[in-house]
Amino acid sequence: MIAHSQLAPLPNELPFRIVSKTIGQGAYACVKKAAPLDSPGPVFAVKFIHKDYATRHGRLNKKQLDLETSLHEYLGAHANLVQFFSSGEDYTWRWIAMELAEGGDLFDKIESDVGVGEDIAHLYFTQLISAVAYMHSKGVGHRDIKPENILLSTGGSLKIADFGLAVLFEYKGQKKLCSSSCGSPPYTAPEVVTCDHRVKKRLDQGYFGPLVDIWSCAVVLFVLLVGNTPWDEPLERSYEFSEYLKASGRPDDELWDKLSDEIVQLLRAMMRIEPTERMTLEDIQRHPWFRRQNPYLDSNGRLEHPVQLATQMFESMRIDFSKDPVLSQRSQRSGDAMDIDEIQSSRQNDSTDSRTPNNEIMFDWETRGHLSNGDLPAAANSAAISQLSWDEQLAEEPLCSQFSSTPRVPLTRTQFARQFHDIIPSQSLTRFFSFWSTEQLRNALQDALQKIFLLKSDGSSQVGSDEVASIRIRAMDGRNCPISGDIFIERLFGVEGQAHEVNFVKIKGDPVEWRRLFKKVVVLCKDAVFKPDQSIALLSQSSVL
């Protein structure tokens, strides 16, 4: 982790003005909202890349950074791609101005281990294939198709983002093989994972970028349908992948059993081990399941009925408090796989941790998603429900629906809903409200994390402020991929007694895995979580026991 004082400030002279704190960040880049200098809108997104850290820790040289910008610009406009606007740089930073996908992360709104209905999966799969087919028609392969890079527009349509690993595989009729191992193992094709080893033996051997994208699209479809990836990596040392090989694409696995024969046939054809035998994009678009009728698509393939779509997605988000989150884990991680770092801070004193596991560098700029001091939840600020009691106001907060025995879209949203974003908030749903004290929450959260990751408590951490505290998480997720983020415990003011928002903010990693971790922690801390079915009086009593 790099402290604020060690970072160069963002460029002073920019052709736009920053209008928000960080809305996304990673190992060497952050994303902020911006607007033109001379007008209040339109608002767009700007990705700032720290060139030195991208080179030293992201293994990206200047040529690769230039390629990301040039390929993104070259792709032009497509309904399912985040559109490029402009770019620039100074000695330290490179920036890319682009379309703002205000709907947020698609997979943040998909229940882990559950997925979405077949109609919604089909909708987003067809939009994904449309975007990839367009890219390939321009000779560009993405090579990093995964949930982290799939966003939503305000209208609910899919948008592919992040072209940092994109490659020009065909130019003026000449095709080019790739030779670098990249991407996220659960989503990438086997020839990519094993590429470095093969290339060392035969310099003329590599892989073809478009065929890798087809494999990744199949994994994304699988996750849409069941809420989990089929394996942690496409290598024989992975038990699930080994079973897939032995069973010739028909593994005896509960996840695959959830799928219809027609879908399994499509997935198997897209995930053939031999790349040249994989189904082409044209074949995918002719497949009966791809061409099926969909209530959310009109005759021209455009999204319709966005409110019904958002409602179905929203009401599928539910946390089952009766499940044991520890016993239900598919795999247990050793204690050294995770680092829980208590950050003791107040509003005036930021604190960072300089330790960096696995050579990963993460910036600690303004972290997205948590409330500013004095802010109230959206429902509390709404004039339509300002006369309600606090428990009624919180019950109308969209994020609270997932903790109800019967999830529902709050009445305050359904009354005037016209678009997708009127139902589903762009902010992450990995949050909850509590009437426990900061110290009680911190202890409960840390105990839960220790149970999940089998850690031993040293009992030494203390809370430094009654207003805000946070716990930093850096771990290997259930698929053995890096995941990191912060849990913010923040006081809500204007409430009788003590009330807090607990916000799980992902910095890096698969949003489905982050959602899964959130669910486990919430179930272990269920007594602290405000539920719409309960009253504030009961929660207030429990907080003083």
Protein backbone atom coordinates (compact mmCIF):
# COMPACT_ATOMS: atom_id res chain seq x y z
CA MET A 1 0.00 0.00 0.00
CA ILE A 2 1.33 3.41 -0.95
CA ALA A 3 0.77 6.30 1.43
CA HIS A 4 -0.78 9.55 0.21
CA SER A 5 2.47 11.44 0.71
CA GLN A 6 4.31 9.03 -1.57
CA LEU A 7 1.99 9.61 -4.52
CA ALA A 8 2.39 12.37 -7.06
CA PRO A 9 -0.72 14.57 -7.29
CA LEU A 10 -2.96 14.22 -10.31
CA PRO A 11 -2.20 16.60 -13.19
CA ASN A 12 -3.06 20.23 -12.38
CA GLU A 13 -3.99 21.27 -15.90
CA LEU A 14 -6.72 19.09 -17.34
CA PRO A 15 -9.25 19.84 -20.10
CA PHE A 16 -12.05 18.91 -17.69
CA ARG A 17 -12.84 19.21 -13.99
CA ILE A 18 -13.06 16.36 -11.49
CA VAL A 19 -16.55 16.20 -9.96
CA SER A 20 -16.30 13.18 -7.67
CA LYS A 21 -14.05 11.18 -5.45
CA THR A 22 -12.71 7.88 -6.76
CA ILE A 23 -15.44 5.61 -8.12
CA GLY A 24 -13.08 2.75 -8.97
CA GLN A 25 -9.48 1.81 -8.31
CA GLY A 26 -6.95 -0.92 -8.79
CA ALA A 27 -3.27 -1.69 -8.46
CA TYR A 28 -2.02 1.29 -10.46
CA ALA A 29 -5.09 3.17 -11.69
CA CYS A 30 -8.13 4.98 -10.39
CA VAL A 31 -11.35 6.20 -12.01
CA LYS A 32 -13.09 9.50 -11.23
CA LYS A 33 -16.12 11.33 -12.57
CA ALA A 34 -15.43 14.48 -14.57
CA ALA A 35 -17.29 17.16 -16.52
CA PRO A 36 -16.39 19.83 -19.12
CA LEU A 37 -14.72 22.95 -17.74
CA ASP A 38 -17.37 25.35 -18.98
CA SER A 39 -20.59 23.43 -18.29
CA PRO A 40 -22.21 21.23 -15.63
CA GLY A 41 -22.41 18.22 -17.94
CA PRO A 42 -22.39 15.73 -19.42
CA VAL A 43 -20.53 13.75 -16.78
CA PHE A 44 -18.02 11.16 -17.97
CA ALA A 45 -15.39 8.87 -16.44
CA VAL A 46 -11.63 9.43 -16.41
CA LYS A 47 -9.15 6.63 -15.77
CA PHE A 48 -5.84 7.84 -14.32
CA ILE A 49 -2.89 5.44 -14.74
CA HIS A 50 0.25 5.95 -12.68
CA LYS A 51 2.82 5.16 -15.39
CA ASP A 52 5.73 4.28 -13.12
CA TYR A 53 3.72 1.85 -10.99
CA ALA A 54 2.06 0.35 -14.06
CA THR A 55 5.53 -0.37 -15.45
CA ARG A 56 7.19 -1.60 -12.26
CA HIS A 57 4.32 -3.52 -10.68
CA GLY A 58 1.82 -4.08 -13.47
CA ARG A 59 4.50 -5.27 -15.89
CA LEU A 60 3.14 -2.84 -18.49
CA ASN A 61 5.59 -0.94 -20.66
CA LYS A 62 4.95 2.31 -22.51
CA LYS A 63 4.07 0.42 -25.69
CA GLN A 64 1.32 -1.48 -23.90
CA LEU A 65 -0.06 1.68 -22.31
CA ASP A 66 -0.08 3.35 -25.72
CA LEU A 67 -1.81 0.30 -27.20
CA GLU A 68 -4.65 0.45 -24.64
CA THR A 69 -5.39 4.04 -25.61
CA SER A 70 -5.04 3.58 -29.36
CA LEU A 71 -7.14 0.39 -29.54
CA HIS A 72 -9.88 1.85 -27.33
CA GLU A 73 -10.05 4.91 -29.59
CA TYR A 74 -9.86 2.76 -32.74
CA LEU A 75 -12.88 0.68 -31.69
CA GLY A 76 -15.17 3.70 -31.88
CA ALA A 77 -18.80 3.59 -30.76
CA HIS A 78 -20.80 0.44 -30.01
CA ALA A 79 -23.85 0.12 -27.76
CA ASN A 80 -22.15 -2.50 -25.58
CA LEU A 81 -18.66 -1.00 -25.31
CA VAL A 82 -17.58 1.82 -23.01
CA GLN A 83 -16.87 4.58 -25.53
CA PHE A 84 -13.49 6.36 -25.74
CA PHE A 85 -13.54 10.20 -25.68
CA SER A 86 -9.97 11.50 -25.35
CA SER A 87 -6.64 10.96 -23.58
CA GLY A 88 -3.53 12.78 -22.40
CA GLU A 89 -0.55 12.48 -20.08
CA ASP A 90 2.12 14.27 -18.10
CA TYR A 91 5.40 12.99 -16.67
CA THR A 92 3.65 10.84 -14.05
CA TRP A 93 0.11 10.17 -15.20
CA ARG A 94 -1.75 9.00 -18.26
CA TRP A 95 -5.48 9.69 -18.37
CA ILE A 96 -8.27 8.30 -20.55
CA ALA A 97 -11.65 10.07 -20.69
CA MET A 98 -14.49 7.70 -21.54
CA GLU A 99 -18.19 7.04 -21.26
CA LEU A 100 -19.48 6.74 -17.70
CA ALA A 101 -21.29 3.44 -17.10
CA GLU A 102 -23.54 4.82 -14.38
CA GLY A 103 -25.27 1.51 -13.70
CA GLY A 104 -22.13 0.22 -11.96
CA ASP A 105 -20.87 -3.36 -11.93
CA LEU A 106 -23.23 -5.91 -13.48
CA PHE A 107 -21.98 -8.77 -11.32
CA ASP A 108 -22.34 -6.76 -8.11
CA LYS A 109 -26.06 -7.13 -8.77
CA ILE A 110 -26.01 -10.88 -9.33
CA GLU A 111 -26.40 -13.18 -6.35
CA SER A 112 -23.35 -15.37 -5.83
CA ASP A 113 -24.06 -19.13 -5.87
CA VAL A 114 -27.49 -18.34 -7.32
CA GLY A 115 -27.07 -16.40 -10.53
CA VAL A 116 -29.95 -14.89 -12.46
CA GLY A 117 -32.86 -16.36 -14.35
CA GLU A 118 -32.33 -17.78 -17.81
CA ASP A 119 -33.98 -14.79 -19.50
CA ILE A 120 -31.62 -12.29 -17.87
CA ALA A 121 -28.59 -14.48 -18.51
CA HIS A 122 -29.63 -14.75 -22.16
CA LEU A 123 -30.10 -10.99 -22.42
CA TYR A 124 -26.63 -10.13 -21.16
CA PHE A 125 -24.99 -12.98 -23.03
CA THR A 126 -26.42 -11.74 -26.34
CA GLN A 127 -25.18 -8.21 -25.57
CA LEU A 128 -21.75 -9.58 -24.64
CA ILE A 129 -21.51 -11.57 -27.87
CA SER A 130 -22.62 -8.52 -29.85
CA ALA A 131 -19.80 -6.44 -28.36
CA VAL A 132 -17.17 -9.15 -28.85
CA ALA A 133 -18.27 -9.80 -32.43
CA TYR A 134 -17.90 -6.07 -33.15
CA MET A 135 -14.41 -6.00 -31.62
CA HIS A 136 -13.33 -9.03 -33.60
CA SER A 137 -14.68 -7.51 -36.82
CA LYS A 138 -12.22 -4.66 -36.20
CA GLY A 139 -9.36 -7.13 -35.61
CA VAL A 140 -9.24 -6.51 -31.83
CA GLY A 141 -9.27 -9.18 -29.13
CA HIS A 142 -10.07 -8.17 -25.53
CA ARG A 143 -8.25 -11.04 -23.71
CA ASP A 144 -9.62 -10.03 -20.29
CA ILE A 145 -13.36 -10.66 -20.40
CA LYS A 146 -14.47 -11.21 -16.80
CA PRO A 147 -17.03 -9.76 -14.36
CA GLU A 148 -14.69 -6.96 -13.20
CA ASN A 149 -14.72 -5.57 -16.74
CA ILE A 150 -18.46 -5.80 -17.38
CA LEU A 151 -20.47 -2.72 -16.42
CA LEU A 152 -24.01 -1.42 -16.87
CA SER A 153 -25.46 1.72 -18.42
CA THR A 154 -28.16 3.65 -16.56
CA GLY A 155 -30.66 1.88 -18.81
CA GLY A 156 -29.41 -1.55 -17.76
CA SER A 157 -27.45 -2.51 -20.88
CA LEU A 158 -24.10 -4.31 -20.71
CA LYS A 159 -20.88 -2.37 -21.35
CA ILE A 160 -17.44 -3.99 -21.78
CA ALA A 161 -14.68 -1.91 -20.19
CA ASP A 162 -10.90 -1.95 -19.64
CA PHE A 163 -8.88 -2.53 -22.80
CA GLY A 164 -5.54 -2.75 -21.01
CA LEU A 165 -4.88 -6.28 -22.30
CA ALA A 166 -6.51 -5.83 -25.71
CA VAL A 167 -4.52 -6.86 -28.75
CA LEU A 168 -4.71 -6.18 -32.49
CA PHE A 169 -4.75 -9.74 -33.81
CA GLU A 170 -5.43 -8.88 -37.46
CA TYR A 171 -4.28 -5.93 -39.55
CA LYS A 172 -4.53 -5.60 -43.32
CA GLY A 173 -5.33 -9.29 -43.61
CA GLN A 174 -2.32 -10.42 -41.57
CA LYS A 175 -3.14 -12.43 -38.43
CA LYS A 176 -0.95 -12.42 -35.34
CA LEU A 177 -0.53 -14.94 -32.53
CA CYS A 178 -0.22 -13.85 -28.88
CA SER A 179 2.53 -15.13 -26.64
CA SER A 180 1.88 -13.63 -23.19
CA SER A 181 0.03 -15.24 -20.31
CA CYS A 182 -2.52 -12.77 -19.00
CA GLY A 183 -6.03 -12.42 -17.63
CA SER A 184 -7.80 -14.00 -14.66
CA PRO A 185 -7.34 -17.82 -14.46
CA PRO A 186 -11.00 -18.74 -13.75
CA TYR A 187 -12.09 -16.93 -16.91
CA THR A 188 -9.24 -17.44 -19.34
CA ALA A 189 -8.61 -20.29 -21.76
CA PRO A 190 -6.14 -23.12 -21.06
CA GLU A 191 -3.82 -22.12 -23.92
CA VAL A 192 -3.29 -18.72 -22.25
CA VAL A 193 -2.42 -20.18 -18.84
CA THR A 194 0.08 -22.60 -20.36
CA CYS A 195 1.39 -20.23 -23.03
CA ASP A 196 4.64 -19.15 -21.37
CA HIS A 197 5.75 -22.76 -20.88
CA ARG A 198 4.99 -23.69 -24.51
CA VAL A 199 6.60 -20.62 -26.02
CA LYS A 200 9.87 -21.34 -24.22
CA LYS A 201 9.97 -24.66 -26.05
CA ARG A 202 8.76 -23.44 -29.44
CA LEU A 203 9.11 -19.80 -30.34
CA ASP A 204 6.66 -20.16 -33.24
CA GLN A 205 3.82 -21.24 -30.98
CA GLY A 206 1.25 -18.98 -29.36
CA TYR A 207 -2.51 -18.53 -29.15
CA PHE A 208 -5.13 -16.70 -31.19
CA GLY A 209 -6.79 -13.83 -29.27
CA PRO A 210 -10.38 -14.20 -30.60
CA LEU A 211 -10.60 -17.87 -29.57
CA VAL A 212 -9.61 -16.88 -26.03
CA ASP A 213 -12.50 -14.37 -25.90
CA ILE A 214 -14.97 -17.10 -26.93
CA TRP A 215 -13.86 -19.29 -24.02
CA SER A 216 -14.16 -16.35 -21.58
CA CYS A 217 -17.66 -15.50 -22.81
CA ALA A 218 -18.70 -19.08 -22.04
CA VAL A 219 -17.41 -18.81 -18.47
CA VAL A 220 -19.25 -15.50 -18.02
CA LEU A 221 -22.48 -17.17 -19.21
CA PHE A 222 -21.89 -19.99 -16.72
CA VAL A 223 -21.50 -17.45 -13.88
CA LEU A 224 -24.63 -15.58 -14.96
CA LEU A 225 -26.61 -18.81 -14.72
CA VAL A 226 -25.28 -20.33 -11.49
CA GLY A 227 -23.40 -17.55 -9.66
CA ASN A 228 -20.04 -19.32 -9.64
CA THR A 229 -17.20 -20.17 -11.99
CA PRO A 230 -16.84 -23.77 -13.19
CA TRP A 231 -13.23 -24.00 -11.89
CA ASP A 232 -10.44 -21.92 -10.38
CA GLU A 233 -8.09 -22.38 -13.34
CA PRO A 234 -8.16 -24.38 -16.60
CA LEU A 235 -5.38 -26.78 -15.57
CA GLU A 236 -5.50 -30.45 -14.61
CA ARG A 237 -4.38 -29.62 -11.07
CA SER A 238 -7.81 -28.02 -10.62
CA TYR A 239 -10.18 -30.78 -9.49
CA GLU A 240 -13.23 -29.33 -11.27
CA PHE A 241 -11.37 -28.77 -14.53
CA SER A 242 -9.84 -32.23 -14.35
CA GLU A 243 -13.34 -33.68 -13.98
CA TYR A 244 -14.48 -31.61 -16.98
CA LEU A 245 -11.69 -33.18 -19.06
CA LYS A 246 -12.36 -36.72 -17.88
CA ALA A 247 -16.09 -36.41 -18.52
CA SER A 248 -15.58 -34.87 -21.98
CA GLY A 249 -17.39 -31.72 -20.94
CA ARG A 250 -20.15 -33.47 -18.95
CA PRO A 251 -18.89 -33.38 -15.34
CA ASP A 252 -20.92 -34.81 -12.49
CA ASP A 253 -21.10 -31.49 -10.64
CA GLU A 254 -24.01 -29.78 -8.90
CA LEU A 255 -23.32 -26.52 -10.74
CA TRP A 256 -23.52 -28.14 -14.17
CA ASP A 257 -26.63 -30.09 -13.09
CA LYS A 258 -28.50 -26.78 -12.78
CA LEU A 259 -28.18 -26.17 -16.52
CA SER A 260 -30.40 -27.41 -19.33
CA ASP A 261 -28.99 -29.79 -21.94
CA GLU A 262 -29.24 -27.06 -24.56
CA ILE A 263 -27.10 -24.65 -22.52
CA VAL A 264 -24.57 -27.36 -21.62
CA GLN A 265 -24.20 -28.18 -25.31
CA LEU A 266 -23.52 -24.52 -26.09
CA LEU A 267 -20.99 -24.15 -23.27
CA ARG A 268 -19.13 -27.32 -24.23
CA ALA A 269 -18.85 -26.15 -27.83
CA MET A 270 -17.45 -22.78 -26.72
CA MET A 271 -15.04 -24.37 -24.24
CA ARG A 272 -13.38 -27.04 -26.33
CA ILE A 273 -9.79 -27.57 -25.22
CA GLU A 274 -8.47 -27.44 -28.76
CA PRO A 275 -8.95 -23.76 -29.73
CA THR A 276 -9.56 -24.42 -33.44
CA GLU A 277 -12.46 -26.73 -32.56
CA ARG A 278 -14.33 -24.06 -30.58
CA MET A 279 -17.62 -22.71 -31.79
CA THR A 280 -17.21 -19.51 -33.81
CA LEU A 281 -19.14 -16.33 -33.06
CA GLU A 282 -21.25 -16.95 -36.15
CA ASP A 283 -22.11 -20.44 -34.91
CA ILE A 284 -22.97 -19.06 -31.46
CA GLN A 285 -25.36 -16.53 -33.00
CA ARG A 286 -27.06 -19.33 -34.94
CA HIS A 287 -27.42 -21.60 -31.90
CA PRO A 288 -31.08 -22.31 -30.93
CA TRP A 289 -30.59 -21.09 -27.33
CA PHE A 290 -29.00 -17.86 -28.53
CA ARG A 291 -31.91 -17.27 -30.95
CA ARG A 292 -34.62 -18.04 -28.37
CA GLN A 293 -37.33 -15.51 -27.60
CA ASN A 294 -36.58 -13.16 -24.71
CA PRO A 295 -39.17 -10.96 -22.97
CA TYR A 296 -36.53 -8.29 -22.39
CA LEU A 297 -35.50 -7.96 -26.04
CA ASP A 298 -37.54 -6.50 -28.89
CA SER A 299 -37.52 -7.84 -32.45
CA ASN A 300 -34.40 -5.77 -33.23
CA GLY A 301 -32.48 -7.08 -30.21
CA ARG A 302 -32.85 -3.87 -28.19
CA LEU A 303 -33.48 -3.90 -24.46
CA GLU A 304 -37.10 -3.28 -23.45
CA HIS A 305 -39.10 -3.46 -20.21
CA PRO A 306 -36.12 -2.16 -18.17
CA VAL A 307 -38.19 -1.66 -15.00
CA GLN A 308 -39.38 -5.28 -14.99
CA LEU A 309 -35.82 -6.43 -15.69
CA ALA A 310 -34.42 -4.39 -12.80
CA THR A 311 -37.19 -5.58 -10.47
CA GLN A 312 -36.48 -9.24 -11.19
CA MET A 313 -32.75 -8.72 -10.68
CA PHE A 314 -33.25 -6.71 -7.51
CA GLU A 315 -35.60 -9.18 -5.86
CA SER A 316 -33.23 -12.08 -6.55
CA MET A 317 -30.68 -10.51 -4.18
CA ARG A 318 -31.27 -12.28 -0.87
CA ILE A 319 -29.07 -13.38 2.01
CA ASP A 320 -30.12 -16.57 3.76
CA PHE A 321 -29.35 -16.14 7.46
CA SER A 322 -30.03 -19.83 8.14
CA LYS A 323 -26.95 -21.05 6.25
CA ASP A 324 -23.64 -21.75 7.95
CA PRO A 325 -21.12 -19.67 5.94
CA VAL A 326 -18.11 -21.57 7.26
CA LEU A 327 -19.33 -25.12 6.68
CA SER A 328 -20.63 -24.24 3.22
CA GLN A 329 -17.28 -23.10 1.90
CA ARG A 330 -16.09 -25.08 -1.13
CA SER A 331 -12.50 -24.78 0.05
CA GLN A 332 -10.71 -23.55 3.13
CA ARG A 333 -7.71 -21.25 2.98
CA SER A 334 -4.77 -21.30 5.33
CA GLY A 335 -4.29 -18.43 7.72
CA ASP A 336 -1.44 -16.89 5.75
CA ALA A 337 -3.70 -16.47 2.72
CA MET A 338 -5.29 -13.43 4.26
CA ASP A 339 -4.16 -10.27 5.94
CA ILE A 340 -6.67 -8.35 8.04
CA ASP A 341 -5.21 -4.96 8.81
CA GLU A 342 -7.05 -2.72 11.21
CA ILE A 343 -6.78 0.92 10.14
CA GLN A 344 -7.47 3.26 13.00
CA SER A 345 -8.44 6.64 11.67
CA SER A 346 -10.61 9.67 12.13
CA ARG A 347 -11.78 12.05 9.44
CA GLN A 348 -8.74 14.23 9.94
CA ASN A 349 -6.11 11.49 10.15
CA ASP A 350 -5.86 9.02 7.31
CA SER A 351 -3.72 5.95 7.89
CA THR A 352 -2.26 3.47 5.43
CA ASP A 353 -0.39 0.21 5.57
CA SER A 354 2.88 -0.14 3.68
CA ARG A 355 2.90 -3.93 3.67
CA THR A 356 2.10 -5.40 0.27
CA PRO A 357 1.52 -9.16 -0.07
CA ASN A 358 2.36 -10.95 -3.31
CA ASN A 359 4.12 -7.83 -4.66
CA GLU A 360 0.74 -6.20 -5.20
CA ILE A 361 0.63 -2.39 -5.02
CA MET A 362 -2.68 -0.77 -4.12
CA PHE A 363 -3.26 2.96 -3.87
CA ASP A 364 -5.10 4.47 -0.92
CA TRP A 365 -6.77 7.46 -2.53
CA GLU A 366 -10.30 8.46 -1.57
CA THR A 367 -12.06 5.14 -1.43
CA ARG A 368 -15.29 4.89 -3.36
CA GLY A 369 -18.71 4.25 -1.98
CA HIS A 370 -18.62 5.23 1.68
CA LEU A 371 -20.58 8.14 3.08
CA SER A 372 -19.07 11.51 3.74
CA ASN A 373 -19.30 12.70 7.31
CA GLY A 374 -22.80 13.97 7.98
CA ASP A 375 -24.41 12.31 4.96
CA LEU A 376 -27.60 10.35 5.45
CA PRO A 377 -28.84 7.33 3.50
CA ALA A 378 -30.74 8.13 0.32
CA ALA A 379 -34.05 7.15 1.84
CA ALA A 380 -33.47 9.42 4.79
CA ASN A 381 -32.91 12.36 2.46
CA SER A 382 -36.00 11.65 0.35
CA ALA A 383 -38.77 14.19 0.80
CA ALA A 384 -41.33 11.51 -0.07
CA ILE A 385 -40.64 9.59 3.14
CA SER A 386 -39.22 12.31 5.38
CA GLN A 387 -42.10 11.89 7.79
CA LEU A 388 -41.40 8.22 8.42
CA SER A 389 -39.68 6.96 11.56
CA TRP A 390 -36.04 5.98 11.29
CA ASP A 391 -36.70 2.25 11.16
CA GLU A 392 -39.26 2.85 8.41
CA GLN A 393 -36.82 5.08 6.52
CA LEU A 394 -34.05 2.50 6.70
CA ALA A 395 -36.46 -0.23 5.67
CA GLU A 396 -37.10 1.79 2.48
CA GLU A 397 -33.38 1.84 1.66
CA PRO A 398 -32.89 -0.45 -1.37
CA LEU A 399 -29.88 -2.23 0.09
CA CYS A 400 -31.95 -3.42 3.09
CA SER A 401 -34.24 -5.52 0.90
CA GLN A 402 -31.63 -8.29 0.66
CA PHE A 403 -31.86 -8.86 4.43
CA SER A 404 -35.63 -9.34 4.36
CA SER A 405 -37.31 -12.74 4.37
CA THR A 406 -39.12 -11.59 1.23
CA PRO A 407 -36.97 -9.17 -0.82
CA ARG A 408 -38.94 -6.40 -2.52
CA VAL A 409 -38.34 -3.18 -4.37
CA PRO A 410 -39.08 -0.30 -1.94
CA LEU A 411 -42.40 1.43 -2.60
CA THR A 412 -40.60 4.77 -2.85
CA ARG A 413 -38.83 3.46 -5.97
CA THR A 414 -41.69 1.66 -7.70
CA GLN A 415 -44.07 4.65 -7.63
CA PHE A 416 -42.13 6.72 -10.16
CA ALA A 417 -39.87 4.13 -11.81
CA ARG A 418 -39.41 4.56 -15.55
CA GLN A 419 -35.88 3.27 -16.15
CA PHE A 420 -33.54 0.52 -14.93
CA HIS A 421 -31.63 2.91 -12.63
CA ASP A 422 -34.90 3.94 -10.92
CA ILE A 423 -35.04 0.46 -9.37
CA ILE A 424 -31.45 -0.70 -8.91
CA PRO A 425 -29.03 1.81 -7.35
CA SER A 426 -25.66 2.27 -9.01
CA GLN A 427 -23.93 1.99 -5.64
CA SER A 428 -22.77 -1.39 -4.45
CA LEU A 429 -25.24 -3.52 -2.49
CA THR A 430 -22.48 -4.92 -0.27
CA ARG A 431 -23.51 -2.70 2.65
CA PHE A 432 -25.69 -2.89 5.74
CA PHE A 433 -26.94 -0.64 8.56
CA SER A 434 -26.47 -1.38 12.24
CA PHE A 435 -27.34 0.12 15.62
CA TRP A 436 -24.37 -1.45 17.33
CA SER A 437 -21.44 0.65 18.49
CA THR A 438 -18.28 1.08 16.42
CA GLU A 439 -16.31 -1.16 18.77
CA GLN A 440 -18.98 -3.87 18.81
CA LEU A 441 -19.11 -3.86 15.02
CA ARG A 442 -15.35 -3.95 14.64
CA ASN A 443 -15.08 -6.92 17.01
CA ALA A 444 -17.94 -8.78 15.31
CA LEU A 445 -16.52 -8.21 11.84
CA GLN A 446 -13.03 -9.26 12.80
CA ASP A 447 -14.33 -12.39 14.54
CA ALA A 448 -16.29 -13.27 11.41
CA LEU A 449 -13.27 -12.83 9.15
CA GLN A 450 -11.17 -14.97 11.45
CA LYS A 451 -13.73 -17.78 11.27
CA ILE A 452 -13.97 -17.59 7.50
CA PHE A 453 -10.22 -17.55 6.91
CA LEU A 454 -9.24 -19.69 9.93
CA LEU A 455 -7.11 -16.96 11.49
CA LYS A 456 -5.98 -16.63 15.08
CA SER A 457 -6.81 -13.37 16.84
CA ASP A 458 -4.02 -11.44 18.51
CA GLY A 459 -6.56 -9.36 20.43
CA SER A 460 -4.47 -6.22 20.02
CA SER A 461 -6.49 -4.02 17.69
CA GLN A 462 -8.40 -1.01 18.98
CA VAL A 463 -10.88 1.40 17.45
CA GLY A 464 -9.43 4.88 17.05
CA SER A 465 -12.60 6.92 16.49
CA ASP A 466 -16.32 6.75 17.19
CA GLU A 467 -17.02 8.32 13.80
CA VAL A 468 -15.21 6.01 11.39
CA ALA A 469 -13.02 2.92 11.46
CA SER A 470 -12.05 0.43 8.80
CA ILE A 471 -10.67 -3.04 8.30
CA ARG A 472 -8.49 -3.75 5.28
CA ILE A 473 -8.77 -7.16 3.64
CA ARG A 474 -6.21 -8.72 1.32
CA ALA A 475 -6.80 -12.37 0.60
CA MET A 476 -7.03 -15.22 -1.86
CA ASP A 477 -10.67 -15.84 -2.73
CA GLY A 478 -12.44 -19.17 -3.07
CA ARG A 479 -10.92 -19.58 -6.54
CA ASN A 480 -7.38 -18.82 -5.36
CA CYS A 481 -7.30 -15.39 -7.01
CA PRO A 482 -6.26 -12.17 -5.23
CA ILE A 483 -9.04 -10.09 -3.73
CA SER A 484 -8.73 -6.94 -1.65
CA GLY A 485 -10.86 -4.18 -0.23
CA ASP A 486 -11.94 -2.28 2.86
CA ILE A 487 -14.79 -2.57 5.31
CA PHE A 488 -15.79 0.91 6.50
CA ILE A 489 -17.71 1.38 9.73
CA GLU A 490 -19.16 4.88 9.55
CA ARG A 491 -21.42 6.79 11.92
CA LEU A 492 -24.75 8.09 10.60
CA PHE A 493 -25.64 11.47 12.08
CA GLY A 494 -29.14 12.83 12.57
CA VAL A 495 -30.33 9.56 14.10
CA GLU A 496 -31.50 9.13 17.67
CA GLY A 497 -28.97 6.91 19.39
CA GLN A 498 -26.09 5.39 17.47
CA ALA A 499 -26.42 4.15 13.91
CA HIS A 500 -23.75 3.04 11.45
CA GLU A 501 -23.38 2.11 7.83
CA VAL A 502 -20.99 -0.80 7.23
CA ASN A 503 -19.72 -0.67 3.66
CA PHE A 504 -17.66 -3.40 1.95
CA VAL A 505 -15.65 -1.61 -0.76
CA LYS A 506 -13.84 -3.85 -3.26
CA ILE A 507 -10.49 -2.58 -4.53
CA LYS A 508 -9.47 -5.58 -6.59
CA GLY A 509 -10.96 -8.93 -7.42
CA ASP A 510 -13.98 -10.74 -8.80
CA PRO A 511 -17.24 -8.96 -7.76
CA VAL A 512 -18.98 -12.34 -7.46
CA GLU A 513 -16.33 -13.50 -4.97
CA TRP A 514 -16.56 -10.17 -3.11
CA ARG A 515 -20.31 -10.61 -2.85
CA ARG A 516 -19.77 -14.14 -1.56
CA LEU A 517 -17.40 -12.89 1.15
CA PHE A 518 -19.89 -10.16 2.10
CA LYS A 519 -22.68 -12.73 2.50
CA LYS A 520 -20.57 -14.94 4.75
CA VAL A 521 -19.58 -12.05 7.00
CA VAL A 522 -23.14 -10.74 7.20
CA VAL A 523 -24.54 -14.13 8.22
CA LEU A 524 -21.91 -14.46 10.94
CA CYS A 525 -22.76 -10.92 12.13
CA LYS A 526 -26.52 -11.34 11.68
CA ASP A 527 -27.42 -10.00 15.13
CA ALA A 528 -25.78 -6.69 14.24
CA VAL A 529 -27.52 -6.26 10.87
CA PHE A 530 -30.61 -4.07 10.61
CA LYS A 531 -33.38 -6.03 8.91
CA PRO A 532 -36.58 -4.47 7.57
CA ASP A 533 -38.58 -7.11 9.44
CA GLN A 534 -37.23 -5.93 12.79
CA SER A 535 -37.71 -2.76 14.81
CA ILE A 536 -35.08 -0.30 15.92
CA ALA A 537 -36.21 -0.77 19.50
CA LEU A 538 -35.13 -4.41 19.50
CA LEU A 539 -31.81 -3.61 17.86
CA SER A 540 -31.13 -0.76 20.27
CA GLN A 541 -31.74 -3.07 23.20
CA SER A 542 -29.30 -5.66 21.82
CA SER A 543 -26.60 -3.04 21.34
CA VAL A 544 -26.38 -2.24 25.03
CA LEU A 545 -26.41 -5.81 26.28
